[in-house]
């Protein structure tokens, strides 16, 4: 299992529209091969900042399966215009036993 982390800086004033679009977009990502779960967290300190955490079976499920799919084009259409700047997306894995 790997964890995808994306820090999402939303254009100020567009948070409500972003959340409405994310409600539609989450069914896209959750239908992909290798998808396990996701969580969207809102910053307490910055109203326009979120963290998207997605768990995938393999990195390729995200980078090859999702990002190269037709479904990703729908995801982009729904969400990418809200980001400023475009988020850096990184993948992480556990280093040992979970606590």
PDB file of N, CA and C in Angstrom:
ATOM      1  N   UNK A   1       0.839  -1.180   0.000  1.00  0.00           N
ATOM      2  CA  UNK A   1       0.000   0.000   0.000  1.00  0.00           C
ATOM      3  C   UNK A   1       0.882   1.241   0.000  1.00  0.00           C
ATOM      4  N   UNK A   2       0.485   2.253  -0.747  1.00  0.00           N
ATOM      5  CA  UNK A   2       1.164   3.542  -0.721  1.00  0.00           C
ATOM      6  C   UNK A   2       0.132   4.633  -0.420  1.00  0.00           C
ATOM      7  N   UNK A   3       0.643   5.740   0.065  1.00  0.00           N
ATOM      8  CA  UNK A   3      -0.207   6.879   0.386  1.00  0.00           C
ATOM      9  C   UNK A   3       0.203   8.055  -0.478  1.00  0.00           C
ATOM     10  N   UNK A   4      -0.768   8.578  -1.196  1.00  0.00           N
ATOM     11  CA  UNK A   4      -0.579   9.784  -2.006  1.00  0.00           C
ATOM     12  C   UNK A   4      -0.973  10.979  -1.145  1.00  0.00           C
ATOM     13  N   UNK A   5      -0.121  11.995  -1.134  1.00  0.00           N
ATOM     14  CA  UNK A   5      -0.394  13.226  -0.391  1.00  0.00           C
ATOM     15  C   UNK A   5      -0.341  14.401  -1.364  1.00  0.00           C
ATOM     16  N   UNK A   6      -1.394  15.209  -1.374  1.00  0.00           N
ATOM     17  CA  UNK A   6      -1.422  16.415  -2.198  1.00  0.00           C
ATOM     18  C   UNK A   6      -1.916  17.566  -1.340  1.00  0.00           C
ATOM     19  N   UNK A   7      -1.109  18.612  -1.259  1.00  0.00           N
ATOM     20  CA  UNK A   7      -1.536  19.823  -0.558  1.00  0.00           C
ATOM     21  C   UNK A   7      -2.220  20.709  -1.594  1.00  0.00           C
ATOM     22  N   UNK A   8      -3.481  21.010  -1.344  1.00  0.00           N
ATOM     23  CA  UNK A   8      -4.306  21.744  -2.297  1.00  0.00           C
ATOM     24  C   UNK A   8      -4.548  23.165  -1.803  1.00  0.00           C
ATOM     25  N   UNK A   9      -3.984  24.132  -2.488  1.00  0.00           N
ATOM     26  CA  UNK A   9      -4.245  25.542  -2.204  1.00  0.00           C
ATOM     27  C   UNK A   9      -5.322  25.999  -3.179  1.00  0.00           C
ATOM     28  N   UNK A  10      -6.482  26.320  -2.636  1.00  0.00           N
ATOM     29  CA  UNK A  10      -7.646  26.689  -3.435  1.00  0.00           C
ATOM     30  C   UNK A  10      -7.673  28.205  -3.605  1.00  0.00           C
ATOM     31  N   UNK A  11      -8.057  28.649  -4.787  1.00  0.00           N
ATOM     32  CA  UNK A  11      -8.173  30.088  -5.035  1.00  0.00           C
ATOM     33  C   UNK A  11      -9.124  30.682  -3.983  1.00  0.00           C
ATOM     34  N   UNK A  12      -8.688  31.699  -3.254  1.00  0.00           N
ATOM     35  CA  UNK A  12      -9.539  32.278  -2.205  1.00  0.00           C
ATOM     36  C   UNK A  12     -10.927  32.640  -2.733  1.00  0.00           C
ATOM     37  N   UNK A  13     -11.924  32.303  -1.921  1.00  0.00           N
ATOM     38  CA  UNK A  13     -13.309  32.575  -2.273  1.00  0.00           C
ATOM     39  C   UNK A  13     -13.976  31.458  -3.054  1.00  0.00           C
ATOM     40  N   UNK A  14     -13.207  30.436  -3.434  1.00  0.00           N
ATOM     41  CA  UNK A  14     -13.765  29.341  -4.237  1.00  0.00           C
ATOM     42  C   UNK A  14     -13.889  28.034  -3.450  1.00  0.00           C
ATOM     43  N   UNK A  15     -13.713  28.111  -2.138  1.00  0.00           N
ATOM     44  CA  UNK A  15     -13.724  26.906  -1.320  1.00  0.00           C
ATOM     45  C   UNK A  15     -15.055  26.154  -1.423  1.00  0.00           C
ATOM     46  N   UNK A  16     -16.166  26.883  -1.375  1.00  0.00           N
ATOM     47  CA  UNK A  16     -17.487  26.252  -1.445  1.00  0.00           C
ATOM     48  C   UNK A  16     -17.673  25.516  -2.772  1.00  0.00           C
ATOM     49  N   UNK A  17     -17.303  26.162  -3.876  1.00  0.00           N
ATOM     50  CA  UNK A  17     -17.416  25.536  -5.193  1.00  0.00           C
ATOM     51  C   UNK A  17     -16.480  24.333  -5.316  1.00  0.00           C
ATOM     52  N   UNK A  18     -15.279  24.462  -4.757  1.00  0.00           N
ATOM     53  CA  UNK A  18     -14.336  23.343  -4.765  1.00  0.00           C
ATOM     54  C   UNK A  18     -14.926  22.132  -4.051  1.00  0.00           C
ATOM     55  N   UNK A  19     -15.493  22.347  -2.863  1.00  0.00           N
ATOM     56  CA  UNK A  19     -16.063  21.226  -2.104  1.00  0.00           C
ATOM     57  C   UNK A  19     -17.240  20.589  -2.846  1.00  0.00           C
ATOM     58  N   UNK A  20     -18.048  21.389  -3.499  1.00  0.00           N
ATOM     59  CA  UNK A  20     -19.163  20.849  -4.278  1.00  0.00           C
ATOM     60  C   UNK A  20     -18.644  20.004  -5.444  1.00  0.00           C
ATOM     61  N   UNK A  21     -17.607  20.471  -6.110  1.00  0.00           N
ATOM     62  CA  UNK A  21     -17.020  19.707  -7.214  1.00  0.00           C
ATOM     63  C   UNK A  21     -16.330  18.452  -6.706  1.00  0.00           C
ATOM     64  N   UNK A  22     -15.689  18.552  -5.541  1.00  0.00           N
ATOM     65  CA  UNK A  22     -15.024  17.367  -4.984  1.00  0.00           C
ATOM     66  C   UNK A  22     -16.045  16.281  -4.653  1.00  0.00           C
ATOM     67  N   UNK A  23     -17.228  16.669  -4.216  1.00  0.00           N
ATOM     68  CA  UNK A  23     -18.282  15.682  -3.940  1.00  0.00           C
ATOM     69  C   UNK A  23     -18.591  14.862  -5.188  1.00  0.00           C
ATOM     70  N   UNK A  24     -18.571  15.498  -6.355  1.00  0.00           N
ATOM     71  CA  UNK A  24     -18.794  14.783  -7.619  1.00  0.00           C
ATOM     72  C   UNK A  24     -17.561  13.965  -7.999  1.00  0.00           C
ATOM     73  N   UNK A  25     -16.386  14.547  -7.813  1.00  0.00           N
ATOM     74  CA  UNK A  25     -15.140  13.921  -8.258  1.00  0.00           C
ATOM     75  C   UNK A  25     -14.740  12.706  -7.430  1.00  0.00           C
ATOM     76  N   UNK A  26     -15.144  12.659  -6.182  1.00  0.00           N
ATOM     77  CA  UNK A  26     -14.688  11.540  -5.346  1.00  0.00           C
ATOM     78  C   UNK A  26     -15.207  10.196  -5.836  1.00  0.00           C
ATOM     79  N   UNK A  27     -16.337  10.163  -6.516  1.00  0.00           N
ATOM     80  CA  UNK A  27     -16.824   8.890  -7.062  1.00  0.00           C
ATOM     81  C   UNK A  27     -15.945   8.423  -8.227  1.00  0.00           C
ATOM     82  N   UNK A  28     -15.290   9.361  -8.893  1.00  0.00           N
ATOM     83  CA  UNK A  28     -14.381   9.008  -9.984  1.00  0.00           C
ATOM     84  C   UNK A  28     -13.168   8.274  -9.436  1.00  0.00           C
ATOM     85  N   UNK A  29     -12.510   8.873  -8.463  1.00  0.00           N
ATOM     86  CA  UNK A  29     -11.284   8.266  -7.940  1.00  0.00           C
ATOM     87  C   UNK A  29     -11.577   6.954  -7.212  1.00  0.00           C
ATOM     88  N   UNK A  30     -12.691   6.911  -6.503  1.00  0.00           N
ATOM     89  CA  UNK A  30     -12.999   5.704  -5.723  1.00  0.00           C
ATOM     90  C   UNK A  30     -13.372   4.515  -6.603  1.00  0.00           C
ATOM     91  N   UNK A  31     -13.629   4.755  -7.878  1.00  0.00           N
ATOM     92  CA  UNK A  31     -13.969   3.652  -8.780  1.00  0.00           C
ATOM     93  C   UNK A  31     -12.744   3.056  -9.483  1.00  0.00           C
ATOM     94  N   UNK A  32     -11.569   3.625  -9.248  1.00  0.00           N
ATOM     95  CA  UNK A  32     -10.370   3.194  -9.971  1.00  0.00           C
ATOM     96  C   UNK A  32      -9.751   1.929  -9.379  1.00  0.00           C
ATOM     97  N   UNK A  33      -9.153   1.140 -10.265  1.00  0.00           N
ATOM     98  CA  UNK A  33      -8.440  -0.063  -9.844  1.00  0.00           C
ATOM     99  C   UNK A  33      -7.310   0.334  -8.888  1.00  0.00           C
ATOM    100  N   UNK A  34      -7.189  -0.388  -7.803  1.00  0.00           N
ATOM    101  CA  UNK A  34      -6.129  -0.141  -6.838  1.00  0.00           C
ATOM    102  C   UNK A  34      -6.441   0.896  -5.782  1.00  0.00           C
ATOM    103  N   UNK A  35      -7.552   1.615  -5.951  1.00  0.00           N
ATOM    104  CA  UNK A  35      -7.965   2.611  -4.950  1.00  0.00           C
ATOM    105  C   UNK A  35      -8.375   1.884  -3.673  1.00  0.00           C
ATOM    106  N   UNK A  36      -7.941   2.392  -2.529  1.00  0.00           N
ATOM    107  CA  UNK A  36      -8.325   1.812  -1.239  1.00  0.00           C
ATOM    108  C   UNK A  36      -9.206   2.762  -0.433  1.00  0.00           C
ATOM    109  N   UNK A  37      -8.781   4.008  -0.290  1.00  0.00           N
ATOM    110  CA  UNK A  37      -9.572   4.988   0.466  1.00  0.00           C
ATOM    111  C   UNK A  37      -8.978   6.371   0.266  1.00  0.00           C
ATOM    112  N   UNK A  38      -9.757   7.387   0.644  1.00  0.00           N
ATOM    113  CA  UNK A  38      -9.236   8.750   0.587  1.00  0.00           C
ATOM    114  C   UNK A  38      -9.809   9.557   1.752  1.00  0.00           C
ATOM    115  N   UNK A  39      -9.164  10.687   1.977  1.00  0.00           N
ATOM    116  CA  UNK A  39      -9.596  11.608   3.016  1.00  0.00           C
ATOM    117  C   UNK A  39      -9.215  13.013   2.566  1.00  0.00           C
ATOM    118  N   UNK A  40     -10.119  13.941   2.708  1.00  0.00           N
ATOM    119  CA  UNK A  40      -9.848  15.342   2.409  1.00  0.00           C
ATOM    120  C   UNK A  40      -9.903  16.107   3.726  1.00  0.00           C
ATOM    121  N   UNK A  41      -8.789  16.735   4.087  1.00  0.00           N
ATOM    122  CA  UNK A  41      -8.696  17.484   5.335  1.00  0.00           C
ATOM    123  C   UNK A  41      -8.575  18.971   5.042  1.00  0.00           C
ATOM    124  N   UNK A  42      -9.278  19.785   5.832  1.00  0.00           N
ATOM    125  CA  UNK A  42      -9.247  21.244   5.689  1.00  0.00           C
ATOM    126  C   UNK A  42      -8.347  21.826   6.766  1.00  0.00           C
ATOM    127  N   UNK A  43      -7.502  22.747   6.367  1.00  0.00           N
ATOM    128  CA  UNK A  43      -6.612  23.413   7.314  1.00  0.00           C
ATOM    129  C   UNK A  43      -7.415  24.229   8.325  1.00  0.00           C
ATOM    130  N   UNK A  44      -6.991  24.182   9.548  1.00  0.00           N
ATOM    131  CA  UNK A  44      -7.603  24.998  10.595  1.00  0.00           C
ATOM    132  C   UNK A  44      -7.095  26.438  10.492  1.00  0.00           C
ATOM    133  N   UNK A  45      -5.834  26.592  10.101  1.00  0.00           N
ATOM    134  CA  UNK A  45      -5.213  27.917  10.054  1.00  0.00           C
ATOM    135  C   UNK A  45      -5.465  28.687   8.757  1.00  0.00           C
ATOM    136  N   UNK A  46      -5.622  27.974   7.634  1.00  0.00           N
ATOM    137  CA  UNK A  46      -5.773  28.633   6.340  1.00  0.00           C
ATOM    138  C   UNK A  46      -7.041  28.131   5.660  1.00  0.00           C
ATOM    139  N   UNK A  47      -8.016  29.007   5.488  1.00  0.00           N
ATOM    140  CA  UNK A  47      -9.346  28.625   4.990  1.00  0.00           C
ATOM    141  C   UNK A  47      -9.332  28.030   3.588  1.00  0.00           C
ATOM    142  N   UNK A  48      -8.319  28.361   2.808  1.00  0.00           N
ATOM    143  CA  UNK A  48      -8.285  27.895   1.424  1.00  0.00           C
ATOM    144  C   UNK A  48      -7.288  26.758   1.197  1.00  0.00           C
ATOM    145  N   UNK A  49      -6.879  26.072   2.254  1.00  0.00           N
ATOM    146  CA  UNK A  49      -5.877  25.012   2.144  1.00  0.00           C
ATOM    147  C   UNK A  49      -6.446  23.670   2.615  1.00  0.00           C
ATOM    148  N   UNK A  50      -6.186  22.644   1.807  1.00  0.00           N
ATOM    149  CA  UNK A  50      -6.662  21.291   2.087  1.00  0.00           C
ATOM    150  C   UNK A  50      -5.524  20.304   1.850  1.00  0.00           C
ATOM    151  N   UNK A  51      -5.647  19.139   2.450  1.00  0.00           N
ATOM    152  CA  UNK A  51      -4.742  18.030   2.144  1.00  0.00           C
ATOM    153  C   UNK A  51      -5.602  16.871   1.679  1.00  0.00           C
ATOM    154  N   UNK A  52      -5.246  16.333   0.529  1.00  0.00           N
ATOM    155  CA  UNK A  52      -5.902  15.137   0.014  1.00  0.00           C
ATOM    156  C   UNK A  52      -4.973  13.963   0.261  1.00  0.00           C
ATOM    157  N   UNK A  53      -5.493  12.957   0.936  1.00  0.00           N
ATOM    158  CA  UNK A  53      -4.755  11.728   1.230  1.00  0.00           C
ATOM    159  C   UNK A  53      -5.497  10.596   0.541  1.00  0.00           C
ATOM    160  N   UNK A  54      -4.788   9.893  -0.351  1.00  0.00           N
ATOM    161  CA  UNK A  54      -5.396   8.763  -1.058  1.00  0.00           C
ATOM    162  C   UNK A  54      -4.504   7.557  -0.865  1.00  0.00           C
ATOM    163  N   UNK A  55      -5.106   6.450  -0.522  1.00  0.00           N
ATOM    164  CA  UNK A  55      -4.355   5.205  -0.372  1.00  0.00           C
ATOM    165  C   UNK A  55      -4.620   4.320  -1.589  1.00  0.00           C
ATOM    166  N   UNK A  56      -3.521   3.850  -2.171  1.00  0.00           N
ATOM    167  CA  UNK A  56      -3.547   2.999  -3.356  1.00  0.00           C
ATOM    168  C   UNK A  56      -2.823   1.694  -3.048  1.00  0.00           C
ATOM    169  N   UNK A  57      -3.155   0.658  -3.781  1.00  0.00           N
ATOM    170  CA  UNK A  57      -2.435  -0.608  -3.615  1.00  0.00           C
ATOM    171  C   UNK A  57      -0.986  -0.473  -4.067  1.00  0.00           C
ATOM    172  N   UNK A  58      -0.756   0.193  -5.212  1.00  0.00           N
ATOM    173  CA  UNK A  58       0.603   0.393  -5.734  1.00  0.00           C
ATOM    174  C   UNK A  58       0.735   1.819  -6.257  1.00  0.00           C
ATOM    175  N   UNK A  59       1.967   2.328  -6.371  1.00  0.00           N
ATOM    176  CA  UNK A  59       2.135   3.655  -6.973  1.00  0.00           C
ATOM    177  C   UNK A  59       1.594   3.703  -8.400  1.00  0.00           C
ATOM    178  N   UNK A  60       1.752   2.612  -9.144  1.00  0.00           N
ATOM    179  CA  UNK A  60       1.306   2.565 -10.530  1.00  0.00           C
ATOM    180  C   UNK A  60      -0.212   2.643 -10.659  1.00  0.00           C
ATOM    181  N   UNK A  61      -0.934   2.179  -9.649  1.00  0.00           N
ATOM    182  CA  UNK A  61      -2.395   2.328  -9.692  1.00  0.00           C
ATOM    183  C   UNK A  61      -2.774   3.798  -9.800  1.00  0.00           C
ATOM    184  N   UNK A  62      -1.975   4.660  -9.181  1.00  0.00           N
ATOM    185  CA  UNK A  62      -2.228   6.090  -9.262  1.00  0.00           C
ATOM    186  C   UNK A  62      -1.605   6.700 -10.516  1.00  0.00           C
ATOM    187  N   UNK A  63      -0.294   6.503 -10.693  1.00  0.00           N
ATOM    188  CA  UNK A  63       0.426   7.197 -11.756  1.00  0.00           C
ATOM    189  C   UNK A  63       0.110   6.679 -13.151  1.00  0.00           C
ATOM    190  N   UNK A  64      -0.120   5.403 -13.290  1.00  0.00           N
ATOM    191  CA  UNK A  64      -0.407   4.814 -14.600  1.00  0.00           C
ATOM    192  C   UNK A  64      -1.911   4.594 -14.791  1.00  0.00           C
ATOM    193  N   UNK A  65      -2.528   3.900 -13.825  1.00  0.00           N
ATOM    194  CA  UNK A  65      -3.934   3.552 -13.951  1.00  0.00           C
ATOM    195  C   UNK A  65      -4.870   4.745 -13.916  1.00  0.00           C
ATOM    196  N   UNK A  66      -4.741   5.568 -12.896  1.00  0.00           N
ATOM    197  CA  UNK A  66      -5.639   6.715 -12.742  1.00  0.00           C
ATOM    198  C   UNK A  66      -5.253   7.865 -13.663  1.00  0.00           C
ATOM    199  N   UNK A  67      -4.009   8.301 -13.572  1.00  0.00           N
ATOM    200  CA  UNK A  67      -3.610   9.504 -14.315  1.00  0.00           C
ATOM    201  C   UNK A  67      -3.640   9.345 -15.830  1.00  0.00           C
ATOM    202  N   UNK A  68      -3.603   8.133 -16.317  1.00  0.00           N
ATOM    203  CA  UNK A  68      -3.636   7.919 -17.775  1.00  0.00           C
ATOM    204  C   UNK A  68      -4.999   7.435 -18.250  1.00  0.00           C
ATOM    205  N   UNK A  69      -5.999   7.572 -17.396  1.00  0.00           N
ATOM    206  CA  UNK A  69      -7.344   7.094 -17.726  1.00  0.00           C
ATOM    207  C   UNK A  69      -8.233   8.230 -18.230  1.00  0.00           C
ATOM    208  N   UNK A  70      -9.311   7.852 -18.893  1.00  0.00           N
ATOM    209  CA  UNK A  70     -10.322   8.838 -19.304  1.00  0.00           C
ATOM    210  C   UNK A  70     -10.977   9.460 -18.075  1.00  0.00           C
ATOM    211  N   UNK A  71     -11.091   8.673 -17.005  1.00  0.00           N
ATOM    212  CA  UNK A  71     -11.696   9.179 -15.767  1.00  0.00           C
ATOM    213  C   UNK A  71     -10.893  10.348 -15.201  1.00  0.00           C
ATOM    214  N   UNK A  72      -9.570  10.296 -15.369  1.00  0.00           N
ATOM    215  CA  UNK A  72      -8.729  11.391 -14.871  1.00  0.00           C
ATOM    216  C   UNK A  72      -9.044  12.695 -15.594  1.00  0.00           C
ATOM    217  N   UNK A  73      -9.417  12.616 -16.854  1.00  0.00           N
ATOM    218  CA  UNK A  73      -9.784  13.823 -17.601  1.00  0.00           C
ATOM    219  C   UNK A  73     -11.022  14.478 -16.982  1.00  0.00           C
ATOM    220  N   UNK A  74     -11.960  13.663 -16.526  1.00  0.00           N
ATOM    221  CA  UNK A  74     -13.146  14.186 -15.832  1.00  0.00           C
ATOM    222  C   UNK A  74     -12.741  14.821 -14.506  1.00  0.00           C
ATOM    223  N   UNK A  75     -11.850  14.136 -13.765  1.00  0.00           N
ATOM    224  CA  UNK A  75     -11.325  14.645 -12.492  1.00  0.00           C
ATOM    225  C   UNK A  75     -10.702  16.019 -12.698  1.00  0.00           C
ATOM    226  N   UNK A  76      -9.839  16.126 -13.713  1.00  0.00           N
ATOM    227  CA  UNK A  76      -9.181  17.399 -14.030  1.00  0.00           C
ATOM    228  C   UNK A  76     -10.202  18.488 -14.328  1.00  0.00           C
ATOM    229  N   UNK A  77     -11.203  18.162 -15.130  1.00  0.00           N
ATOM    230  CA  UNK A  77     -12.213  19.145 -15.511  1.00  0.00           C
ATOM    231  C   UNK A  77     -12.971  19.661 -14.280  1.00  0.00           C
ATOM    232  N   UNK A  78     -13.231  18.781 -13.339  1.00  0.00           N
ATOM    233  CA  UNK A  78     -13.968  19.167 -12.140  1.00  0.00           C
ATOM    234  C   UNK A  78     -13.128  19.967 -11.148  1.00  0.00           C
ATOM    235  N   UNK A  79     -11.821  19.669 -11.033  1.00  0.00           N
ATOM    236  CA  UNK A  79     -11.049  20.197  -9.909  1.00  0.00           C
ATOM    237  C   UNK A  79      -9.863  21.089 -10.232  1.00  0.00           C
ATOM    238  N   UNK A  80      -9.183  20.869 -11.323  1.00  0.00           N
ATOM    239  CA  UNK A  80      -7.889  21.529 -11.516  1.00  0.00           C
ATOM    240  C   UNK A  80      -7.960  23.051 -11.607  1.00  0.00           C
ATOM    241  N   UNK A  81      -9.075  23.606 -12.000  1.00  0.00           N
ATOM    242  CA  UNK A  81      -9.166  25.069 -12.104  1.00  0.00           C
ATOM    243  C   UNK A  81      -9.285  25.767 -10.741  1.00  0.00           C
ATOM    244  N   UNK A  82      -9.406  24.991  -9.663  1.00  0.00           N
ATOM    245  CA  UNK A  82      -9.483  25.585  -8.323  1.00  0.00           C
ATOM    246  C   UNK A  82      -8.111  25.801  -7.688  1.00  0.00           C
ATOM    247  N   UNK A  83      -7.055  25.182  -8.228  1.00  0.00           N
ATOM    248  CA  UNK A  83      -5.744  25.182  -7.583  1.00  0.00           C
ATOM    249  C   UNK A  83      -4.886  26.373  -7.993  1.00  0.00           C
ATOM    250  N   UNK A  84      -4.268  27.000  -6.997  1.00  0.00           N
ATOM    251  CA  UNK A  84      -3.294  28.059  -7.254  1.00  0.00           C
ATOM    252  C   UNK A  84      -2.321  28.115  -6.083  1.00  0.00           C
ATOM    253  N   UNK A  85      -1.117  27.624  -6.267  1.00  0.00           N
ATOM    254  CA  UNK A  85      -0.542  26.999  -7.458  1.00  0.00           C
ATOM    255  C   UNK A  85      -0.996  25.547  -7.586  1.00  0.00           C
ATOM    256  N   UNK A  86      -0.611  24.912  -8.695  1.00  0.00           N
ATOM    257  CA  UNK A  86      -0.949  23.509  -8.890  1.00  0.00           C
ATOM    258  C   UNK A  86      -0.226  22.690  -7.827  1.00  0.00           C
ATOM    259  N   UNK A  87      -0.907  21.721  -7.222  1.00  0.00           N
ATOM    260  CA  UNK A  87      -0.312  20.987  -6.101  1.00  0.00           C
ATOM    261  C   UNK A  87       0.829  20.056  -6.499  1.00  0.00           C
ATOM    262  N   UNK A  88       1.749  19.910  -5.568  1.00  0.00           N
ATOM    263  CA  UNK A  88       2.776  18.879  -5.666  1.00  0.00           C
ATOM    264  C   UNK A  88       2.156  17.621  -5.075  1.00  0.00           C
ATOM    265  N   UNK A  89       2.275  16.518  -5.791  1.00  0.00           N
ATOM    266  CA  UNK A  89       1.718  15.247  -5.336  1.00  0.00           C
ATOM    267  C   UNK A  89       2.882  14.298  -5.081  1.00  0.00           C
ATOM    268  N   UNK A  90       2.903  13.704  -3.894  1.00  0.00           N
ATOM    269  CA  UNK A  90       3.981  12.785  -3.534  1.00  0.00           C
ATOM    270  C   UNK A  90       3.392  11.490  -3.008  1.00  0.00           C
ATOM    271  N   UNK A  91       4.209  10.437  -3.069  1.00  0.00           N
ATOM    272  CA  UNK A  91       3.784   9.115  -2.607  1.00  0.00           C
ATOM    273  C   UNK A  91       4.666   8.691  -1.436  1.00  0.00           C
ATOM    274  N   UNK A  92       4.041   8.084  -0.435  1.00  0.00           N
ATOM    275  CA  UNK A  92       4.732   7.658   0.770  1.00  0.00           C
ATOM    276  C   UNK A  92       4.393   6.209   1.080  1.00  0.00           C
ATOM    277  N   UNK A  93       5.308   5.564   1.804  1.00  0.00           N
ATOM    278  CA  UNK A  93       5.031   4.212   2.268  1.00  0.00           C
ATOM    279  C   UNK A  93       5.464   4.102   3.726  1.00  0.00           C
ATOM    280  N   UNK A  94       4.896   3.142   4.410  1.00  0.00           N
ATOM    281  CA  UNK A  94       5.243   2.940   5.814  1.00  0.00           C
ATOM    282  C   UNK A  94       6.693   2.477   5.938  1.00  0.00           C
ATOM    283  N   UNK A  95       7.299   2.862   7.041  1.00  0.00           N
ATOM    284  CA  UNK A  95       8.685   2.477   7.298  1.00  0.00           C
ATOM    285  C   UNK A  95       8.785   1.306   8.258  1.00  0.00           C
ATOM    286  N   UNK A  96       7.721   0.996   8.931  1.00  0.00           N
ATOM    287  CA  UNK A  96       7.730  -0.097   9.899  1.00  0.00           C
ATOM    288  C   UNK A  96       6.298  -0.398  10.312  1.00  0.00           C
ATOM    289  N   UNK A  97       6.163  -1.028  11.444  1.00  0.00           N
ATOM    290  CA  UNK A  97       4.854  -1.376  11.952  1.00  0.00           C
ATOM    291  C   UNK A  97       4.075  -0.122  12.342  1.00  0.00           C
ATOM    292  N   UNK A  98       2.776  -0.140  12.091  1.00  0.00           N
ATOM    293  CA  UNK A  98       1.926   0.956  12.530  1.00  0.00           C
ATOM    294  C   UNK A  98       1.771   0.895  14.035  1.00  0.00           C
ATOM    295  N   UNK A  99       1.626   2.036  14.656  1.00  0.00           N
ATOM    296  CA  UNK A  99       1.476   2.095  16.113  1.00  0.00           C
ATOM    297  C   UNK A  99       0.094   1.653  16.528  1.00  0.00           C
TER     298      UNK A  99
END
